[in-house]
C-alpha atoms as a PDB file:
ATOM      1  CA  MET A   1       0.000   0.000   0.000  1.00  0.00           C
ATOM      2  CA  LYS A   2       1.418   3.363  -1.040  1.00  0.00           C
ATOM      3  CA  ILE A   3       1.420   6.000   1.706  1.00  0.00           C
ATOM      4  CA  VAL A   4       1.183   9.677   0.760  1.00  0.00           C
ATOM      5  CA  LEU A   5       3.130  11.671   3.336  1.00  0.00           C
ATOM      6  CA  GLY A   6       2.397  15.375   3.743  1.00  0.00           C
ATOM      7  CA  THR A   7       5.039  17.824   4.906  1.00  0.00           C
ATOM      8  CA  ARG A   8       6.067  21.442   4.731  1.00  0.00           C
ATOM      9  CA  GLY A   9       8.584  22.282   2.037  1.00  0.00           C
ATOM     10  CA  SER A  10      11.542  23.627   4.004  1.00  0.00           C
ATOM     11  CA  ALA A  11      14.843  21.748   3.916  1.00  0.00           C
ATOM     12  CA  LEU A  12      14.380  20.762   7.560  1.00  0.00           C
ATOM     13  CA  ALA A  13      10.779  19.611   7.095  1.00  0.00           C
ATOM     14  CA  LEU A  14      11.793  17.507   4.099  1.00  0.00           C
ATOM     15  CA  ALA A  15      14.691  15.976   6.045  1.00  0.00           C
ATOM     16  CA  GLN A  16      12.267  15.073   8.831  1.00  0.00           C
ATOM     17  CA  ALA A  17       9.803  13.626   6.341  1.00  0.00           C
ATOM     18  CA  ARG A  18      12.539  11.403   4.927  1.00  0.00           C
ATOM     19  CA  ILE A  19      13.411  10.180   8.437  1.00  0.00           C
ATOM     20  CA  VAL A  20       9.841   8.912   8.775  1.00  0.00           C
ATOM     21  CA  ALA A  21       9.591   7.636   5.202  1.00  0.00           C
ATOM     22  CA  ASP A  22      12.753   5.568   5.647  1.00  0.00           C
ATOM     23  CA  GLN A  23      11.208   3.800   8.650  1.00  0.00           C
ATOM     24  CA  LEU A  24       8.016   2.826   6.832  1.00  0.00           C
ATOM     25  CA  ALA A  25       7.664  -0.351   4.810  1.00  0.00           C
ATOM     26  CA  GLY A  26       6.471  -0.068   1.222  1.00  0.00           C
ATOM     27  CA  GLU A  27       6.178   2.881  -1.137  1.00  0.00           C
ATOM     28  CA  VAL A  28       6.005   6.380   0.339  1.00  0.00           C
ATOM     29  CA  GLU A  29       5.236   9.463  -1.755  1.00  0.00           C
ATOM     30  CA  ILE A  30       6.196  12.815  -0.226  1.00  0.00           C
ATOM     31  CA  HIS A  31       3.707  15.615  -0.925  1.00  0.00           C
ATOM     32  CA  VAL A  32       4.690  19.201  -0.054  1.00  0.00           C
ATOM     33  CA  ILE A  33       2.022  21.498   1.389  1.00  0.00           C
ATOM     34  CA  ARG A  34       2.454  25.214   2.016  1.00  0.00           C
ATOM     35  CA  THR A  35       1.224  26.391   5.427  1.00  0.00           C
ATOM     36  CA  GLU A  36       0.184  29.808   6.720  1.00  0.00           C
ATOM     37  CA  GLY A  37       3.449  30.106   8.632  1.00  0.00           C
ATOM     38  CA  ASP A  38       5.448  29.538   5.441  1.00  0.00           C
ATOM     39  CA  GLY A  39       3.653  32.313   3.621  1.00  0.00           C
ATOM     40  CA  SER A  40       3.952  35.118   6.179  1.00  0.00           C
ATOM     41  CA  ASP A  41       6.772  37.291   7.537  1.00  0.00           C
ATOM     42  CA  ARG A  42       4.723  38.371  10.551  1.00  0.00           C
ATOM     43  CA  PRO A  43       5.968  37.386  14.042  1.00  0.00           C
ATOM     44  CA  LEU A  44       4.776  33.924  15.016  1.00  0.00           C
ATOM     45  CA  GLN A  45       3.023  35.272  18.126  1.00  0.00           C
ATOM     46  CA  GLU A  46       0.779  37.370  15.859  1.00  0.00           C
ATOM     47  CA  LEU A  47      -0.067  34.363  13.709  1.00  0.00           C
ATOM     48  CA  GLY A  48      -1.036  32.200  16.700  1.00  0.00           C
ATOM     49  CA  ASP A  49      -0.733  28.484  17.417  1.00  0.00           C
ATOM     50  CA  GLY A  50      -1.018  25.957  14.626  1.00  0.00           C
ATOM     51  CA  VAL A  51       0.291  28.132  11.784  1.00  0.00           C
ATOM     52  CA  PHE A  52       2.586  25.343  10.559  1.00  0.00           C
ATOM     53  CA  VAL A  53      -0.027  22.640  11.120  1.00  0.00           C
ATOM     54  CA  THR A  54      -3.527  23.574   9.961  1.00  0.00           C
ATOM     55  CA  ALA A  55      -2.951  23.168   6.212  1.00  0.00           C
ATOM     56  CA  LEU A  56      -1.495  19.691   6.741  1.00  0.00           C
ATOM     57  CA  GLU A  57      -4.392  18.672   8.972  1.00  0.00           C
ATOM     58  CA  ASN A  58      -6.892  19.938   6.418  1.00  0.00           C
ATOM     59  CA  ALA A  59      -5.121  17.884   3.733  1.00  0.00           C
ATOM     60  CA  LEU A  60      -5.547  14.808   5.936  1.00  0.00           C
ATOM     61  CA  ARG A  61      -9.245  15.516   6.338  1.00  0.00           C
ATOM     62  CA  ALA A  62      -9.609  15.995   2.577  1.00  0.00           C
ATOM     63  CA  ARG A  63      -7.773  12.683   2.004  1.00  0.00           C
ATOM     64  CA  GLU A  64      -5.139  14.417  -0.100  1.00  0.00           C
ATOM     65  CA  ILE A  65      -2.508  12.751   2.096  1.00  0.00           C
ATOM     66  CA  ASP A  66      -2.479   9.678   4.351  1.00  0.00           C
ATOM     67  CA  ILE A  67      -0.109  10.900   7.052  1.00  0.00           C
ATOM     68  CA  ALA A  68       1.366  14.240   8.065  1.00  0.00           C
ATOM     69  CA  VAL A  69       4.787  14.671   9.641  1.00  0.00           C
ATOM     70  CA  HIS A  70       5.082  17.604  12.032  1.00  0.00           C
ATOM     71  CA  SER A  71       7.665  19.006  14.372  1.00  0.00           C
ATOM     72  CA  LEU A  72       5.811  17.991  17.524  1.00  0.00           C
ATOM     73  CA  LYS A  73       6.389  21.327  19.235  1.00  0.00           C
ATOM     74  CA  ASP A  74       4.359  23.006  16.466  1.00  0.00           C
ATOM     75  CA  LEU A  75       1.230  20.968  17.233  1.00  0.00           C
ATOM     76  CA  PRO A  76      -1.361  22.645  19.481  1.00  0.00           C
ATOM     77  CA  THR A  77      -2.012  20.616  22.630  1.00  0.00           C
ATOM     78  CA  GLU A  78      -5.781  20.208  22.274  1.00  0.00           C
ATOM     79  CA  GLU A  79      -6.946  16.846  20.962  1.00  0.00           C
ATOM     80  CA  ARG A  80      -8.548  16.483  17.519  1.00  0.00           C
ATOM     81  CA  GLU A  81     -11.460  14.060  17.457  1.00  0.00           C
ATOM     82  CA  ASP A  82     -10.865  13.045  13.844  1.00  0.00           C
ATOM     83  CA  LEU A  83      -7.048  13.005  13.834  1.00  0.00           C
ATOM     84  CA  VAL A  84      -4.496  11.242  16.033  1.00  0.00           C
ATOM     85  CA  ILE A  85      -0.764  11.266  16.660  1.00  0.00           C
ATOM     86  CA  ALA A  86      -0.201   7.654  15.622  1.00  0.00           C
ATOM     87  CA  ALA A  87       3.555   7.577  16.238  1.00  0.00           C
ATOM     88  CA  VAL A  88       6.405   9.496  17.809  1.00  0.00           C
ATOM     89  CA  PRO A  89       9.660   8.109  16.371  1.00  0.00           C
ATOM     90  CA  LYS A  90      12.796   8.097  18.520  1.00  0.00           C
ATOM     91  CA  ARG A  91      13.465  11.631  19.632  1.00  0.00           C
ATOM     92  CA  ALA A  92      16.681  13.458  18.783  1.00  0.00           C
ATOM     93  CA  GLU A  93      18.693  15.596  21.227  1.00  0.00           C
ATOM     94  CA  PRO A  94      16.293  18.348  22.389  1.00  0.00           C
ATOM     95  CA  GLN A  95      18.684  21.088  23.522  1.00  0.00           C
ATOM     96  CA  ASP A  96      18.948  24.603  22.105  1.00  0.00           C
ATOM     97  CA  VAL A  97      22.076  26.003  20.459  1.00  0.00           C
ATOM     98  CA  LEU A  98      23.341  29.596  20.499  1.00  0.00           C
ATOM     99  CA  ILE A  99      24.982  30.496  17.185  1.00  0.00           C
ATOM    100  CA  THR A 100      27.330  33.505  17.011  1.00  0.00           C
ATOM    101  CA  ALA A 101      29.560  34.639  14.155  1.00  0.00           C
ATOM    102  CA  SER A 102      32.626  33.182  15.888  1.00  0.00           C
ATOM    103  CA  ARG A 103      30.730  29.946  16.714  1.00  0.00           C
ATOM    104  CA  GLY A 104      31.897  30.066  20.330  1.00  0.00           C
ATOM    105  CA  GLY A 105      28.535  29.706  22.053  1.00  0.00           C
ATOM    106  CA  LEU A 106      27.168  31.839  24.890  1.00  0.00           C
ATOM    107  CA  ASP A 107      30.609  32.931  26.082  1.00  0.00           C
ATOM    108  CA  SER A 108      31.325  34.425  22.650  1.00  0.00           C
ATOM    109  CA  LEU A 109      28.207  36.618  22.623  1.00  0.00           C
ATOM    110  CA  ARG A 110      29.410  40.190  22.955  1.00  0.00           C
ATOM    111  CA  VAL A 111      28.237  42.318  25.872  1.00  0.00           C
ATOM    112  CA  GLY A 112      24.949  43.933  24.918  1.00  0.00           C
ATOM    113  CA  GLY A 113      24.609  41.672  21.896  1.00  0.00           C
ATOM    114  CA  ALA A 114      21.352  41.383  19.957  1.00  0.00           C
ATOM    115  CA  VAL A 115      20.093  37.812  19.585  1.00  0.00           C
ATOM    116  CA  GLY A 116      17.511  36.820  17.004  1.00  0.00           C
ATOM    117  CA  THR A 117      14.653  34.678  18.252  1.00  0.00           C
ATOM    118  CA  SER A 118      10.874  34.636  17.879  1.00  0.00           C
ATOM    119  CA  SER A 119      10.425  32.364  20.910  1.00  0.00           C
ATOM    120  CA  PRO A 120       9.196  33.951  24.169  1.00  0.00           C
ATOM    121  CA  ARG A 121      10.833  31.064  26.051  1.00  0.00           C
ATOM    122  CA  ARG A 122      14.249  31.575  24.469  1.00  0.00           C
ATOM    123  CA  ALA A 123      14.030  35.358  24.868  1.00  0.00           C
ATOM    124  CA  ALA A 124      13.054  35.113  28.542  1.00  0.00           C
ATOM    125  CA  PHE A 125      15.722  32.535  29.395  1.00  0.00           C
ATOM    126  CA  LEU A 126      18.393  34.614  27.655  1.00  0.00           C
ATOM    127  CA  ARG A 127      17.376  37.736  29.606  1.00  0.00           C
ATOM    128  CA  CYS A 128      17.708  35.827  32.857  1.00  0.00           C
ATOM    129  CA  LEU A 129      21.083  34.274  32.035  1.00  0.00           C
ATOM    130  CA  ARG A 130      22.526  37.276  30.158  1.00  0.00           C
ATOM    131  CA  PRO A 131      20.744  40.442  31.326  1.00  0.00           C
ATOM    132  CA  ASP A 132      23.047  42.535  29.140  1.00  0.00           C
ATOM    133  CA  ALA A 133      21.793  40.896  25.928  1.00  0.00           C
ATOM    134  CA  SER A 134      18.739  41.973  23.937  1.00  0.00           C
ATOM    135  CA  THR A 135      16.482  39.989  21.619  1.00  0.00           C
ATOM    136  CA  ARG A 136      14.859  40.813  18.287  1.00  0.00           C
ATOM    137  CA  ASP A 137      12.352  38.852  16.253  1.00  0.00           C
ATOM    138  CA  ILE A 138      13.808  36.790  13.447  1.00  0.00           C
ATOM    139  CA  ARG A 139      12.114  34.691  10.774  1.00  0.00           C
ATOM    140  CA  GLY A 140      13.409  32.385   8.079  1.00  0.00           C
ATOM    141  CA  ASN A 141      14.857  28.912   7.779  1.00  0.00           C
ATOM    142  CA  VAL A 142      18.061  27.724   9.434  1.00  0.00           C
ATOM    143  CA  ASP A 143      20.301  28.898   6.585  1.00  0.00           C
ATOM    144  CA  THR A 144      18.691  32.343   6.565  1.00  0.00           C
ATOM    145  CA  ARG A 145      19.072  32.821  10.307  1.00  0.00           C
ATOM    146  CA  MET A 146      22.687  31.710  10.310  1.00  0.00           C
ATOM    147  CA  ARG A 147      23.449  33.995   7.353  1.00  0.00           C
ATOM    148  CA  LYS A 148      21.961  36.967   9.210  1.00  0.00           C
ATOM    149  CA  VAL A 149      24.392  36.262  12.049  1.00  0.00           C
ATOM    150  CA  ARG A 150      27.353  35.924   9.667  1.00  0.00           C
ATOM    151  CA  ASP A 151      26.331  39.229   8.033  1.00  0.00           C
ATOM    152  CA  ARG A 152      26.225  40.882  11.500  1.00  0.00           C
ATOM    153  CA  GLU A 153      22.524  41.723  11.301  1.00  0.00           C
ATOM    154  CA  TYR A 154      22.357  39.931  14.633  1.00  0.00           C
ATOM    155  CA  ASP A 155      25.069  39.045  17.127  1.00  0.00           C
ATOM    156  CA  GLY A 156      23.579  35.600  17.593  1.00  0.00           C
ATOM    157  CA  THR A 157      20.550  33.411  17.096  1.00  0.00           C
ATOM    158  CA  ILE A 158      19.123  30.451  18.970  1.00  0.00           C
ATOM    159  CA  LEU A 159      18.247  27.269  17.097  1.00  0.00           C
ATOM    160  CA  ALA A 160      17.310  23.694  17.946  1.00  0.00           C
ATOM    161  CA  LEU A 161      20.205  21.239  18.037  1.00  0.00           C
ATOM    162  CA  ALA A 162      18.048  18.537  16.446  1.00  0.00           C
ATOM    163  CA  GLY A 163      17.317  20.691  13.418  1.00  0.00           C
ATOM    164  CA  LEU A 164      20.981  21.482  12.887  1.00  0.00           C
ATOM    165  CA  ARG A 165      21.934  17.818  13.200  1.00  0.00           C
ATOM    166  CA  ARG A 166      19.217  16.792  10.726  1.00  0.00           C
ATOM    167  CA  LEU A 167      20.598  19.315   8.234  1.00  0.00           C
ATOM    168  CA  ASP A 168      24.171  18.098   8.828  1.00  0.00           C
ATOM    169  CA  VAL A 169      25.253  21.489  10.216  1.00  0.00           C
ATOM    170  CA  PRO A 170      28.305  21.014  12.464  1.00  0.00           C
ATOM    171  CA  VAL A 171      27.756  22.115  16.079  1.00  0.00           C
ATOM    172  CA  GLY A 172      30.457  22.584  18.702  1.00  0.00           C
ATOM    173  CA  ASP A 173      29.968  21.449  22.292  1.00  0.00           C
ATOM    174  CA  ALA A 174      30.350  25.046  23.529  1.00  0.00           C
ATOM    175  CA  GLU A 175      27.355  26.104  21.428  1.00  0.00           C
ATOM    176  CA  ILE A 176      24.928  23.631  23.031  1.00  0.00           C
ATOM    177  CA  LEU A 177      22.949  25.155  25.901  1.00  0.00           C
ATOM    178  CA  ASP A 178      22.599  23.064  29.052  1.00  0.00           C
ATOM    179  CA  GLY A 179      19.272  21.239  28.820  1.00  0.00           C
ATOM    180  CA  LEU A 180      18.737  21.356  32.587  1.00  0.00           C
ATOM    181  CA  LEU A 181      19.681  25.022  32.986  1.00  0.00           C
ATOM    182  CA  TRP A 182      17.900  25.972  29.745  1.00  0.00           C
ATOM    183  CA  PRO A 183      15.195  23.346  29.112  1.00  0.00           C
ATOM    184  CA  PRO A 184      13.784  23.059  25.590  1.00  0.00           C
ATOM    185  CA  ALA A 185      10.278  23.762  24.381  1.00  0.00           C
ATOM    186  CA  PRO A 186       7.800  20.952  25.145  1.00  0.00           C
ATOM    187  CA  GLY A 187       8.089  18.405  22.343  1.00  0.00           C
ATOM    188  CA  GLN A 188      11.223  19.930  20.820  1.00  0.00           C
ATOM    189  CA  ALA A 189      13.288  17.499  18.675  1.00  0.00           C
ATOM    190  CA  ALA A 190      10.394  15.018  18.483  1.00  0.00           C
ATOM    191  CA  LEU A 191       8.422  14.260  15.339  1.00  0.00           C
ATOM    192  CA  ALA A 192       4.687  13.603  15.275  1.00  0.00           C
ATOM    193  CA  VAL A 193       3.228  11.277  12.659  1.00  0.00           C
ATOM    194  CA  GLN A 194      -0.455  12.175  12.368  1.00  0.00           C
ATOM    195  CA  CYS A 195      -3.215  10.335  10.529  1.00  0.00           C
ATOM    196  CA  ARG A 196      -7.002  10.063  10.458  1.00  0.00           C
ATOM    197  CA  ALA A 197      -8.444   8.407  13.557  1.00  0.00           C
ATOM    198  CA  SER A 198     -10.594   6.169  11.350  1.00  0.00           C
ATOM    199  CA  ASP A 199      -7.625   4.676   9.437  1.00  0.00           C
ATOM    200  CA  HIS A 200      -7.190   1.693  11.740  1.00  0.00           C
ATOM    201  CA  GLU A 201      -4.998  -0.352   9.409  1.00  0.00           C
ATOM    202  CA  LEU A 202      -2.605   2.547   8.894  1.00  0.00           C
ATOM    203  CA  ARG A 203      -2.564   3.325  12.610  1.00  0.00           C
ATOM    204  CA  ALA A 204      -1.535  -0.264  13.306  1.00  0.00           C
ATOM    205  CA  GLN A 205       1.299   0.048  10.787  1.00  0.00           C
ATOM    206  CA  LEU A 206       2.496   3.328  12.286  1.00  0.00           C
ATOM    207  CA  GLU A 207       2.691   1.769  15.747  1.00  0.00           C
ATOM    208  CA  GLY A 208       5.763  -0.031  14.438  1.00  0.00           C
ATOM    209  CA  ILE A 209       7.777   3.199  14.251  1.00  0.00           C
ATOM    210  CA  ASP A 210       6.600   4.592  17.598  1.00  0.00           C
ATOM    211  CA  ASP A 211       9.299   4.886  20.273  1.00  0.00           C
ATOM    212  CA  ARG A 212       7.530   4.416  23.581  1.00  0.00           C
ATOM    213  CA  PRO A 213      10.055   6.271  25.813  1.00  0.00           C
ATOM    214  CA  SER A 214       9.992   9.271  23.453  1.00  0.00           C
ATOM    215  CA  ASN A 215       6.186   9.144  23.312  1.00  0.00           C
ATOM    216  CA  LEU A 216       5.842   9.057  27.095  1.00  0.00           C
ATOM    217  CA  ALA A 217       8.326  11.896  27.545  1.00  0.00           C
ATOM    218  CA  VAL A 218       6.651  14.281  25.107  1.00  0.00           C
ATOM    219  CA  ARG A 219       3.204  13.397  26.429  1.00  0.00           C
ATOM    220  CA  ALA A 220       4.332  14.568  29.868  1.00  0.00           C
ATOM    221  CA  GLU A 221       5.797  17.782  28.443  1.00  0.00           C
ATOM    222  CA  ARG A 222       2.712  18.571  26.384  1.00  0.00           C
ATOM    223  CA  ALA A 223       0.422  17.801  29.316  1.00  0.00           C
ATOM    224  CA  LEU A 224       2.340  20.345  31.404  1.00  0.00           C
ATOM    225  CA  LEU A 225       2.026  22.943  28.645  1.00  0.00           C
ATOM    226  CA  ARG A 226      -1.708  22.233  28.415  1.00  0.00           C
ATOM    227  CA  LEU A 227      -2.115  22.731  32.176  1.00  0.00           C
ATOM    228  CA  LEU A 228      -0.371  26.104  31.951  1.00  0.00           C
ATOM    229  CA  GLY A 229      -2.508  27.364  29.088  1.00  0.00           C
ATOM    230  CA  GLY A 230      -1.378  25.448  26.025  1.00  0.00           C
ATOM    231  CA  SER A 231       0.135  28.380  24.125  1.00  0.00           C
ATOM    232  CA  CYS A 232       3.534  28.686  22.471  1.00  0.00           C
ATOM    233  CA  ALA A 233       3.647  32.205  23.961  1.00  0.00           C
ATOM    234  CA  ILE A 234       4.216  30.761  27.445  1.00  0.00           C
ATOM    235  CA  PRO A 235       7.943  31.000  28.370  1.00  0.00           C
ATOM    236  CA  LEU A 236       8.035  27.374  29.513  1.00  0.00           C
ATOM    237  CA  GLY A 237      10.838  24.887  29.118  1.00  0.00           C
ATOM    238  CA  ALA A 238      10.307  21.194  29.859  1.00  0.00           C
ATOM    239  CA  TRP A 239      12.580  18.212  29.340  1.00  0.00           C
ATOM    240  CA  ALA A 240      11.285  14.744  30.168  1.00  0.00           C
ATOM    241  CA  ARG A 241      13.248  11.510  29.842  1.00  0.00           C
ATOM    242  CA  VAL A 242      12.435   7.911  30.678  1.00  0.00           C
ATOM    243  CA  ASP A 243      14.953   6.268  33.016  1.00  0.00           C
ATOM    244  CA  ALA A 244      14.419   2.605  33.937  1.00  0.00           C
ATOM    245  CA  GLY A 245      10.718   2.954  33.150  1.00  0.00           C
ATOM    246  CA  VAL A 246      10.299   6.157  35.184  1.00  0.00           C
ATOM    247  CA  ILE A 247       9.472   9.512  33.557  1.00  0.00           C
ATOM    248  CA  VAL A 248      11.759  12.229  34.926  1.00  0.00           C
ATOM    249  CA  MET A 249      10.878  15.796  33.954  1.00  0.00           C
ATOM    250  CA  ASP A 250      12.722  19.046  34.631  1.00  0.00           C
ATOM    251  CA  ALA A 251      10.769  22.215  33.938  1.00  0.00           C
ATOM    252  CA  ALA A 252      11.425  25.937  34.106  1.00  0.00           C
ATOM    253  CA  LEU A 253       9.075  28.893  33.749  1.00  0.00           C
ATOM    254  CA  ALA A 254      10.313  32.449  33.198  1.00  0.00           C
ATOM    255  CA  LEU A 255       8.550  35.096  35.289  1.00  0.00           C
ATOM    256  CA  ALA A 256       9.012  38.857  35.402  1.00  0.00           C
ATOM    257  CA  ASP A 257      11.490  38.561  38.276  1.00  0.00           C
ATOM    258  CA  GLY A 258      13.368  35.419  37.243  1.00  0.00           C
ATOM    259  CA  ILE A 259      13.064  31.728  36.441  1.00  0.00           C
ATOM    260  CA  VAL A 260      11.317  29.197  38.660  1.00  0.00           C
ATOM    261  CA  ARG A 261      12.264  25.547  38.342  1.00  0.00           C
ATOM    262  CA  THR A 262      10.948  22.183  39.418  1.00  0.00           C
ATOM    263  CA  SER A 263      11.371  18.456  38.820  1.00  0.00           C
ATOM    264  CA  ALA A 264       8.835  15.644  38.857  1.00  0.00           C
ATOM    265  CA  ARG A 265       8.922  11.909  38.295  1.00  0.00           C
ATOM    266  CA  GLY A 266       6.524   9.015  37.966  1.00  0.00           C
ATOM    267  CA  SER A 267       5.101   6.408  35.594  1.00  0.00           C
ATOM    268  CA  ASP A 268       2.080   8.316  34.257  1.00  0.00           C
ATOM    269  CA  PRO A 269       2.665  11.324  31.955  1.00  0.00           C
ATOM    270  CA  ASP A 270      -0.391  13.230  33.188  1.00  0.00           C
ATOM    271  CA  ALA A 271       0.503  12.684  36.853  1.00  0.00           C
ATOM    272  CA  VAL A 272       4.063  13.857  36.220  1.00  0.00           C
ATOM    273  CA  ALA A 273       2.721  16.952  34.474  1.00  0.00           C
ATOM    274  CA  HIS A 274       0.372  17.759  37.353  1.00  0.00           C
ATOM    275  CA  ALA A 275       3.225  17.392  39.867  1.00  0.00           C
ATOM    276  CA  ALA A 276       5.437  19.681  37.767  1.00  0.00           C
ATOM    277  CA  ALA A 277       2.674  22.285  37.430  1.00  0.00           C
ATOM    278  CA  GLN A 278       2.172  22.237  41.185  1.00  0.00           C
ATOM    279  CA  GLY A 279       5.917  22.547  41.756  1.00  0.00           C
ATOM    280  CA  LEU A 280       6.196  25.546  39.443  1.00  0.00           C
ATOM    281  CA  GLY A 281       3.237  27.195  41.160  1.00  0.00           C
ATOM    282  CA  GLU A 282       4.760  26.663  44.600  1.00  0.00           C
ATOM    283  CA  ALA A 283       8.142  27.952  43.444  1.00  0.00           C
ATOM    284  CA  ALA A 284       6.527  31.040  41.928  1.00  0.00           C
ATOM    285  CA  HIS A 285       4.870  31.900  45.238  1.00  0.00           C
ATOM    286  CA  ALA A 286       7.795  31.016  47.479  1.00  0.00           C
END
């Protein structure tokens, strides 16, 4: 059975689509779909959640494609009755990377440097760790953002390590931000393979590429985000891992007067998320 796989058309999205296609048995046809986020230069916060997702989901509903491959962090947290995340393949390294012209990481960012990011989380964490630095919105693919740093339009930019690795961009250890000190966005570095809820045969096939530890970890992270409001505008970092069958999650939330942090562990993703939400609330009021 041929599977038609829908994806965005960026180099990174296509690389991620091929990761999934290579894990599936049989013929896979990759179909590129342009999303609202691809067609606008407006800041992502103005466009709202789901700007990289809605067109792909509509193509699933119209049966133009059989599966959609998303960056999981782009997917809104509310459930869709007619669509399901049928698989989360093995997650890549979820940390962020700070790119400067000299490629020396955070220590090479000049005093008072301007860093390009459209993420409230990244901007808030940077302000807390480097109060001298400023942030400015930046749009474009990985190559565009790195070129703007090389051309000195920005002193640095923050990107996902997983995306750079998938594009075969070399990254030095000094450029990788500590995942515990600077936790990633919920779901970062994970891929979501989405299909119609009614396609039971396809769902059974997709179960074969699901990585259960990765699935459990991102479910806990997304459940925490949902509890805190479910928006990408929330400056929340969360990093969950599965260790000997136990979900361990470290989370950080940027507030006006600093960052509050907590950790939670357990076997159920929703219970871990509730414990983390409670811990962040208690830390915020301490």
